[in-house]
């Protein structure tokens, strides 16, 4: 009798654990939250791997704002200052870095893959919802297919001047904004043209945000950096 009670108790614990791991998303989205599920998918399709950008492209500069309080949220959102993206995205970034270096420039990356839970936090706390992804749809960042970046001058190691700072809510953050000094427009358009030649598209209100063409082929993810 005691054995049967113990087995029943263990079965209940197992079911509860399974239910917690597979709690349905309130918006009906299919989001990968389990590391082993992710690894199994990568084994089947290596393009699904979230590659650490700095390891793949050592010359790239990272300035991961969300690992600090120097961001629009004014709080630390990432426990680690790291950047990941799907393997084909990183391969394209490697080509871009090589092209830029021939012209005296290099990439500076602010953000790439973003766990879905962080997107939810952004939306709940942001004052301007137009500049954050709606968790009802998820973000291209959650798919490992979006990169926030700019460029630096390799000689001075300084940022190339752009229309606004990163994560600005100003109208000038739009990639089509015209009321700017000619040099800023030239710098911005140079960055956009370079990215677009390699399969990225800038979004309409952030000159620094580039979506990888084909992002629809990659699932939403909610695995923290510490597990990758």
C-alpha atoms as a PDB file:
ATOM      1  CA  UNK A   1       0.000   0.000   0.000  1.00  0.00           C
ATOM      2  CA  UNK A   2       2.805   2.400   0.933  1.00  0.00           C
ATOM      3  CA  UNK A   3       4.560   1.568  -2.348  1.00  0.00           C
ATOM      4  CA  UNK A   4       1.448   2.430  -4.362  1.00  0.00           C
ATOM      5  CA  UNK A   5       1.052   5.749  -2.537  1.00  0.00           C
ATOM      6  CA  UNK A   6       4.703   6.610  -3.176  1.00  0.00           C
ATOM      7  CA  UNK A   7       4.410   5.783  -6.895  1.00  0.00           C
ATOM      8  CA  UNK A   8       1.261   7.890  -7.158  1.00  0.00           C
ATOM      9  CA  UNK A   9       3.029  10.810  -5.445  1.00  0.00           C
ATOM     10  CA  UNK A  10       6.021  10.565  -7.803  1.00  0.00           C
ATOM     11  CA  UNK A  11       3.734  10.414 -10.823  1.00  0.00           C
ATOM     12  CA  UNK A  12       1.966  13.576  -9.678  1.00  0.00           C
ATOM     13  CA  UNK A  13       5.293  15.364  -9.253  1.00  0.00           C
ATOM     14  CA  UNK A  14       6.329  14.337 -12.755  1.00  0.00           C
ATOM     15  CA  UNK A  15       3.070  15.583 -14.274  1.00  0.00           C
ATOM     16  CA  UNK A  16       3.343  18.883 -12.420  1.00  0.00           C
ATOM     17  CA  UNK A  17       6.908  19.346 -13.645  1.00  0.00           C
ATOM     18  CA  UNK A  18       5.857  18.604 -17.242  1.00  0.00           C
ATOM     19  CA  UNK A  19       2.939  21.009 -17.014  1.00  0.00           C
ATOM     20  CA  UNK A  20       5.160  23.806 -15.717  1.00  0.00           C
ATOM     21  CA  UNK A  21       7.729  23.268 -18.488  1.00  0.00           C
ATOM     22  CA  UNK A  22       5.016  23.284 -21.148  1.00  0.00           C
ATOM     23  CA  UNK A  23       2.769  26.021 -19.815  1.00  0.00           C
ATOM     24  CA  UNK A  24       0.952  27.379 -22.878  1.00  0.00           C
ATOM     25  CA  UNK A  25       1.822  30.884 -23.968  1.00  0.00           C
ATOM     26  CA  UNK A  26      -1.090  33.272 -23.201  1.00  0.00           C
ATOM     27  CA  UNK A  27      -1.002  34.470 -26.824  1.00  0.00           C
ATOM     28  CA  UNK A  28      -0.960  30.990 -28.293  1.00  0.00           C
ATOM     29  CA  UNK A  29       2.650  31.271 -29.491  1.00  0.00           C
ATOM     30  CA  UNK A  30       4.934  28.284 -29.840  1.00  0.00           C
ATOM     31  CA  UNK A  31       8.096  29.218 -27.933  1.00  0.00           C
ATOM     32  CA  UNK A  32      11.079  26.969 -27.262  1.00  0.00           C
ATOM     33  CA  UNK A  33      11.927  27.218 -23.570  1.00  0.00           C
ATOM     34  CA  UNK A  34      13.676  23.887 -23.013  1.00  0.00           C
ATOM     35  CA  UNK A  35      17.418  23.698 -23.742  1.00  0.00           C
ATOM     36  CA  UNK A  36      17.336  20.003 -24.645  1.00  0.00           C
ATOM     37  CA  UNK A  37      14.539  20.624 -27.143  1.00  0.00           C
ATOM     38  CA  UNK A  38      16.642  23.372 -28.702  1.00  0.00           C
ATOM     39  CA  UNK A  39      19.743  21.149 -28.915  1.00  0.00           C
ATOM     40  CA  UNK A  40      17.741  18.354 -30.528  1.00  0.00           C
ATOM     41  CA  UNK A  41      16.475  20.798 -33.149  1.00  0.00           C
ATOM     42  CA  UNK A  42      20.037  22.008 -33.850  1.00  0.00           C
ATOM     43  CA  UNK A  43      21.190  18.427 -34.316  1.00  0.00           C
ATOM     44  CA  UNK A  44      18.549  18.045 -37.012  1.00  0.00           C
ATOM     45  CA  UNK A  45      19.185  21.472 -38.570  1.00  0.00           C
ATOM     46  CA  UNK A  46      22.564  23.135 -37.760  1.00  0.00           C
ATOM     47  CA  UNK A  47      21.265  26.477 -39.062  1.00  0.00           C
ATOM     48  CA  UNK A  48      19.120  26.711 -35.928  1.00  0.00           C
ATOM     49  CA  UNK A  49      22.177  27.052 -33.702  1.00  0.00           C
ATOM     50  CA  UNK A  50      22.500  30.295 -31.754  1.00  0.00           C
ATOM     51  CA  UNK A  51      26.144  31.150 -32.353  1.00  0.00           C
ATOM     52  CA  UNK A  52      28.023  33.526 -30.060  1.00  0.00           C
ATOM     53  CA  UNK A  53      28.955  36.426 -32.335  1.00  0.00           C
ATOM     54  CA  UNK A  54      32.148  37.500 -30.570  1.00  0.00           C
ATOM     55  CA  UNK A  55      33.569  33.978 -30.739  1.00  0.00           C
ATOM     56  CA  UNK A  56      32.760  33.680 -34.436  1.00  0.00           C
ATOM     57  CA  UNK A  57      33.934  37.221 -35.290  1.00  0.00           C
ATOM     58  CA  UNK A  58      36.607  38.195 -32.730  1.00  0.00           C
ATOM     59  CA  UNK A  59      37.116  41.667 -34.248  1.00  0.00           C
ATOM     60  CA  UNK A  60      33.520  42.753 -33.688  1.00  0.00           C
ATOM     61  CA  UNK A  61      32.936  45.237 -30.860  1.00  0.00           C
ATOM     62  CA  UNK A  62      30.196  44.532 -28.307  1.00  0.00           C
ATOM     63  CA  UNK A  63      28.354  47.174 -26.314  1.00  0.00           C
ATOM     64  CA  UNK A  64      25.498  45.188 -24.809  1.00  0.00           C
ATOM     65  CA  UNK A  65      23.410  47.960 -23.313  1.00  0.00           C
ATOM     66  CA  UNK A  66      20.851  45.643 -21.726  1.00  0.00           C
ATOM     67  CA  UNK A  67      23.560  44.060 -19.579  1.00  0.00           C
ATOM     68  CA  UNK A  68      23.918  47.490 -17.937  1.00  0.00           C
ATOM     69  CA  UNK A  69      21.571  50.185 -16.655  1.00  0.00           C
ATOM     70  CA  UNK A  70      22.523  52.416 -19.577  1.00  0.00           C
ATOM     71  CA  UNK A  71      19.395  51.669 -21.609  1.00  0.00           C
ATOM     72  CA  UNK A  72      15.854  52.963 -22.009  1.00  0.00           C
ATOM     73  CA  UNK A  73      14.632  50.625 -19.262  1.00  0.00           C
ATOM     74  CA  UNK A  74      17.206  52.019 -16.779  1.00  0.00           C
ATOM     75  CA  UNK A  75      17.781  48.536 -15.423  1.00  0.00           C
ATOM     76  CA  UNK A  76      19.869  45.450 -16.141  1.00  0.00           C
ATOM     77  CA  UNK A  77      17.913  43.102 -18.414  1.00  0.00           C
ATOM     78  CA  UNK A  78      20.653  40.562 -19.254  1.00  0.00           C
ATOM     79  CA  UNK A  79      22.795  38.750 -16.693  1.00  0.00           C
ATOM     80  CA  UNK A  80      25.616  38.437 -19.221  1.00  0.00           C
ATOM     81  CA  UNK A  81      27.009  40.866 -21.808  1.00  0.00           C
ATOM     82  CA  UNK A  82      26.888  38.463 -24.740  1.00  0.00           C
ATOM     83  CA  UNK A  83      25.383  38.418 -28.231  1.00  0.00           C
ATOM     84  CA  UNK A  84      24.035  35.418 -30.155  1.00  0.00           C
ATOM     85  CA  UNK A  85      22.361  34.938 -33.518  1.00  0.00           C
ATOM     86  CA  UNK A  86      21.405  32.016 -35.755  1.00  0.00           C
ATOM     87  CA  UNK A  87      24.272  30.499 -37.697  1.00  0.00           C
ATOM     88  CA  UNK A  88      23.309  31.945 -41.140  1.00  0.00           C
ATOM     89  CA  UNK A  89      22.946  35.405 -39.554  1.00  0.00           C
ATOM     90  CA  UNK A  90      26.434  35.215 -38.067  1.00  0.00           C
ATOM     91  CA  UNK A  91      27.878  34.010 -41.358  1.00  0.00           C
ATOM     92  CA  UNK A  92      26.469  37.110 -43.054  1.00  0.00           C
ATOM     93  CA  UNK A  93      27.795  39.370 -40.291  1.00  0.00           C
ATOM     94  CA  UNK A  94      31.229  37.858 -40.846  1.00  0.00           C
ATOM     95  CA  UNK A  95      31.077  38.849 -44.526  1.00  0.00           C
ATOM     96  CA  UNK A  96      29.899  42.339 -43.581  1.00  0.00           C
ATOM     97  CA  UNK A  97      32.746  42.756 -41.102  1.00  0.00           C
ATOM     98  CA  UNK A  98      35.272  41.752 -43.762  1.00  0.00           C
ATOM     99  CA  UNK A  99      33.781  44.210 -46.255  1.00  0.00           C
ATOM    100  CA  UNK A 100      33.716  47.051 -43.746  1.00  0.00           C
ATOM    101  CA  UNK A 101      37.293  46.454 -42.620  1.00  0.00           C
ATOM    102  CA  UNK A 102      38.553  47.095 -46.157  1.00  0.00           C
ATOM    103  CA  UNK A 103      36.995  50.560 -45.887  1.00  0.00           C
ATOM    104  CA  UNK A 104      38.336  51.291 -42.407  1.00  0.00           C
ATOM    105  CA  UNK A 105      35.206  50.415 -40.437  1.00  0.00           C
ATOM    106  CA  UNK A 106      33.985  47.687 -38.128  1.00  0.00           C
ATOM    107  CA  UNK A 107      30.739  46.522 -36.535  1.00  0.00           C
ATOM    108  CA  UNK A 108      29.592  47.480 -33.060  1.00  0.00           C
ATOM    109  CA  UNK A 109      26.756  45.294 -31.797  1.00  0.00           C
ATOM    110  CA  UNK A 110      24.286  46.467 -29.160  1.00  0.00           C
ATOM    111  CA  UNK A 111      21.903  43.513 -29.139  1.00  0.00           C
ATOM    112  CA  UNK A 112      21.055  40.347 -31.061  1.00  0.00           C
ATOM    113  CA  UNK A 113      19.160  37.282 -29.789  1.00  0.00           C
ATOM    114  CA  UNK A 114      16.840  38.297 -26.976  1.00  0.00           C
ATOM    115  CA  UNK A 115      14.982  35.765 -24.799  1.00  0.00           C
ATOM    116  CA  UNK A 116      11.193  36.094 -25.104  1.00  0.00           C
ATOM    117  CA  UNK A 117      10.799  36.810 -21.364  1.00  0.00           C
ATOM    118  CA  UNK A 118      12.823  40.009 -21.828  1.00  0.00           C
ATOM    119  CA  UNK A 119      10.524  41.119 -24.643  1.00  0.00           C
ATOM    120  CA  UNK A 120       7.570  40.661 -22.281  1.00  0.00           C
ATOM    121  CA  UNK A 121       9.318  42.822 -19.654  1.00  0.00           C
ATOM    122  CA  UNK A 122      10.060  45.529 -22.215  1.00  0.00           C
ATOM    123  CA  UNK A 123       6.428  45.704 -23.291  1.00  0.00           C
ATOM    124  CA  UNK A 124       5.061  45.760 -19.761  1.00  0.00           C
ATOM    125  CA  UNK A 125       7.376  48.547 -18.596  1.00  0.00           C
ATOM    126  CA  UNK A 126       8.063  50.691 -21.674  1.00  0.00           C
ATOM    127  CA  UNK A 127       6.369  54.083 -21.806  1.00  0.00           C
ATOM    128  CA  UNK A 128       6.252  54.110 -25.623  1.00  0.00           C
ATOM    129  CA  UNK A 129       4.919  50.801 -26.972  1.00  0.00           C
ATOM    130  CA  UNK A 130       5.792  51.812 -30.553  1.00  0.00           C
ATOM    131  CA  UNK A 131       9.466  51.148 -29.870  1.00  0.00           C
ATOM    132  CA  UNK A 132       9.115  47.691 -28.331  1.00  0.00           C
ATOM    133  CA  UNK A 133       7.864  44.416 -29.782  1.00  0.00           C
ATOM    134  CA  UNK A 134       4.406  43.204 -28.829  1.00  0.00           C
ATOM    135  CA  UNK A 135       4.726  39.872 -26.992  1.00  0.00           C
ATOM    136  CA  UNK A 136       1.516  38.763 -28.701  1.00  0.00           C
ATOM    137  CA  UNK A 137       3.609  38.395 -31.858  1.00  0.00           C
ATOM    138  CA  UNK A 138       7.109  38.038 -30.473  1.00  0.00           C
ATOM    139  CA  UNK A 139      10.201  39.765 -31.807  1.00  0.00           C
ATOM    140  CA  UNK A 140      12.656  38.941 -34.582  1.00  0.00           C
ATOM    141  CA  UNK A 141      15.210  39.241 -31.759  1.00  0.00           C
ATOM    142  CA  UNK A 142      13.452  36.320 -30.042  1.00  0.00           C
ATOM    143  CA  UNK A 143      14.079  34.266 -33.182  1.00  0.00           C
ATOM    144  CA  UNK A 144      17.795  35.069 -33.231  1.00  0.00           C
ATOM    145  CA  UNK A 145      17.252  36.871 -36.525  1.00  0.00           C
ATOM    146  CA  UNK A 146      17.574  40.552 -35.624  1.00  0.00           C
ATOM    147  CA  UNK A 147      20.663  42.566 -34.811  1.00  0.00           C
ATOM    148  CA  UNK A 148      20.982  46.071 -33.364  1.00  0.00           C
ATOM    149  CA  UNK A 149      24.255  47.599 -34.487  1.00  0.00           C
ATOM    150  CA  UNK A 150      26.296  50.507 -35.767  1.00  0.00           C
ATOM    151  CA  UNK A 151      29.839  50.999 -37.043  1.00  0.00           C
ATOM    152  CA  UNK A 152      33.123  52.299 -35.645  1.00  0.00           C
ATOM    153  CA  UNK A 153      36.173  53.903 -37.254  1.00  0.00           C
ATOM    154  CA  UNK A 154      38.975  51.357 -36.987  1.00  0.00           C
ATOM    155  CA  UNK A 155      41.707  53.994 -36.728  1.00  0.00           C
ATOM    156  CA  UNK A 156      40.167  56.022 -33.905  1.00  0.00           C
ATOM    157  CA  UNK A 157      38.043  53.178 -32.418  1.00  0.00           C
ATOM    158  CA  UNK A 158      35.297  55.762 -32.077  1.00  0.00           C
ATOM    159  CA  UNK A 159      31.671  55.464 -33.143  1.00  0.00           C
ATOM    160  CA  UNK A 160      30.849  56.722 -36.614  1.00  0.00           C
ATOM    161  CA  UNK A 161      28.330  59.574 -36.020  1.00  0.00           C
ATOM    162  CA  UNK A 162      24.717  58.578 -36.619  1.00  0.00           C
ATOM    163  CA  UNK A 163      21.421  60.542 -36.488  1.00  0.00           C
ATOM    164  CA  UNK A 164      20.630  59.504 -32.894  1.00  0.00           C
ATOM    165  CA  UNK A 165      21.962  57.445 -30.047  1.00  0.00           C
ATOM    166  CA  UNK A 166      21.002  53.776 -29.849  1.00  0.00           C
ATOM    167  CA  UNK A 167      17.432  53.129 -28.651  1.00  0.00           C
ATOM    168  CA  UNK A 168      16.392  56.743 -29.154  1.00  0.00           C
ATOM    169  CA  UNK A 169      12.661  57.401 -29.351  1.00  0.00           C
ATOM    170  CA  UNK A 170      13.219  60.533 -31.462  1.00  0.00           C
ATOM    171  CA  UNK A 171      11.712  60.960 -34.921  1.00  0.00           C
ATOM    172  CA  UNK A 172      15.280  61.198 -36.242  1.00  0.00           C
ATOM    173  CA  UNK A 173      15.733  57.506 -35.420  1.00  0.00           C
ATOM    174  CA  UNK A 174      13.752  56.654 -38.551  1.00  0.00           C
ATOM    175  CA  UNK A 175      16.011  55.477 -41.392  1.00  0.00           C
ATOM    176  CA  UNK A 176      14.158  57.826 -43.775  1.00  0.00           C
ATOM    177  CA  UNK A 177      14.306  60.977 -41.628  1.00  0.00           C
ATOM    178  CA  UNK A 178      15.675  63.846 -43.765  1.00  0.00           C
ATOM    179  CA  UNK A 179      16.110  66.875 -41.508  1.00  0.00           C
ATOM    180  CA  UNK A 180      19.709  66.043 -40.632  1.00  0.00           C
ATOM    181  CA  UNK A 181      23.246  67.194 -41.482  1.00  0.00           C
ATOM    182  CA  UNK A 182      24.339  65.591 -44.789  1.00  0.00           C
ATOM    183  CA  UNK A 183      27.185  63.639 -43.166  1.00  0.00           C
ATOM    184  CA  UNK A 184      24.841  61.900 -40.730  1.00  0.00           C
ATOM    185  CA  UNK A 185      22.545  60.886 -43.566  1.00  0.00           C
ATOM    186  CA  UNK A 186      25.562  59.617 -45.514  1.00  0.00           C
ATOM    187  CA  UNK A 187      26.799  57.541 -42.555  1.00  0.00           C
ATOM    188  CA  UNK A 188      23.359  56.098 -41.856  1.00  0.00           C
ATOM    189  CA  UNK A 189      22.681  55.256 -45.497  1.00  0.00           C
ATOM    190  CA  UNK A 190      26.118  53.665 -45.868  1.00  0.00           C
ATOM    191  CA  UNK A 191      25.368  51.343 -42.952  1.00  0.00           C
ATOM    192  CA  UNK A 192      21.918  50.459 -44.268  1.00  0.00           C
ATOM    193  CA  UNK A 193      23.145  49.809 -47.814  1.00  0.00           C
ATOM    194  CA  UNK A 194      25.937  47.568 -46.510  1.00  0.00           C
ATOM    195  CA  UNK A 195      23.559  45.518 -44.393  1.00  0.00           C
ATOM    196  CA  UNK A 196      20.955  45.210 -47.139  1.00  0.00           C
ATOM    197  CA  UNK A 197      23.511  43.865 -49.620  1.00  0.00           C
ATOM    198  CA  UNK A 198      23.948  40.931 -47.294  1.00  0.00           C
ATOM    199  CA  UNK A 199      20.335  39.981 -46.669  1.00  0.00           C
ATOM    200  CA  UNK A 200      19.164  42.288 -43.893  1.00  0.00           C
ATOM    201  CA  UNK A 201      16.377  44.868 -43.837  1.00  0.00           C
ATOM    202  CA  UNK A 202      16.250  47.935 -41.610  1.00  0.00           C
ATOM    203  CA  UNK A 203      12.955  48.595 -39.808  1.00  0.00           C
ATOM    204  CA  UNK A 204      11.010  51.815 -40.274  1.00  0.00           C
ATOM    205  CA  UNK A 205      11.642  53.532 -36.929  1.00  0.00           C
ATOM    206  CA  UNK A 206      15.128  52.387 -35.883  1.00  0.00           C
ATOM    207  CA  UNK A 207      18.185  52.972 -38.100  1.00  0.00           C
ATOM    208  CA  UNK A 208      20.176  50.470 -35.978  1.00  0.00           C
ATOM    209  CA  UNK A 209      17.748  47.514 -36.138  1.00  0.00           C
ATOM    210  CA  UNK A 210      18.198  44.979 -38.945  1.00  0.00           C
ATOM    211  CA  UNK A 211      16.033  41.916 -39.565  1.00  0.00           C
ATOM    212  CA  UNK A 212      17.478  38.913 -41.357  1.00  0.00           C
ATOM    213  CA  UNK A 213      15.545  37.935 -44.472  1.00  0.00           C
ATOM    214  CA  UNK A 214      14.008  34.508 -43.837  1.00  0.00           C
ATOM    215  CA  UNK A 215      13.383  35.095 -40.120  1.00  0.00           C
ATOM    216  CA  UNK A 216      10.045  33.284 -40.507  1.00  0.00           C
ATOM    217  CA  UNK A 217      11.939  29.984 -40.693  1.00  0.00           C
ATOM    218  CA  UNK A 218      13.207  30.261 -37.124  1.00  0.00           C
ATOM    219  CA  UNK A 219      11.127  29.634 -33.967  1.00  0.00           C
ATOM    220  CA  UNK A 220      10.708  32.001 -31.041  1.00  0.00           C
ATOM    221  CA  UNK A 221      13.088  31.249 -28.181  1.00  0.00           C
ATOM    222  CA  UNK A 222      13.140  31.850 -24.452  1.00  0.00           C
ATOM    223  CA  UNK A 223      16.442  30.351 -23.370  1.00  0.00           C
ATOM    224  CA  UNK A 224      18.707  32.649 -21.295  1.00  0.00           C
ATOM    225  CA  UNK A 225      22.293  33.401 -22.314  1.00  0.00           C
ATOM    226  CA  UNK A 226      23.641  31.450 -19.335  1.00  0.00           C
ATOM    227  CA  UNK A 227      22.426  28.177 -20.874  1.00  0.00           C
ATOM    228  CA  UNK A 228      23.798  28.774 -24.350  1.00  0.00           C
END
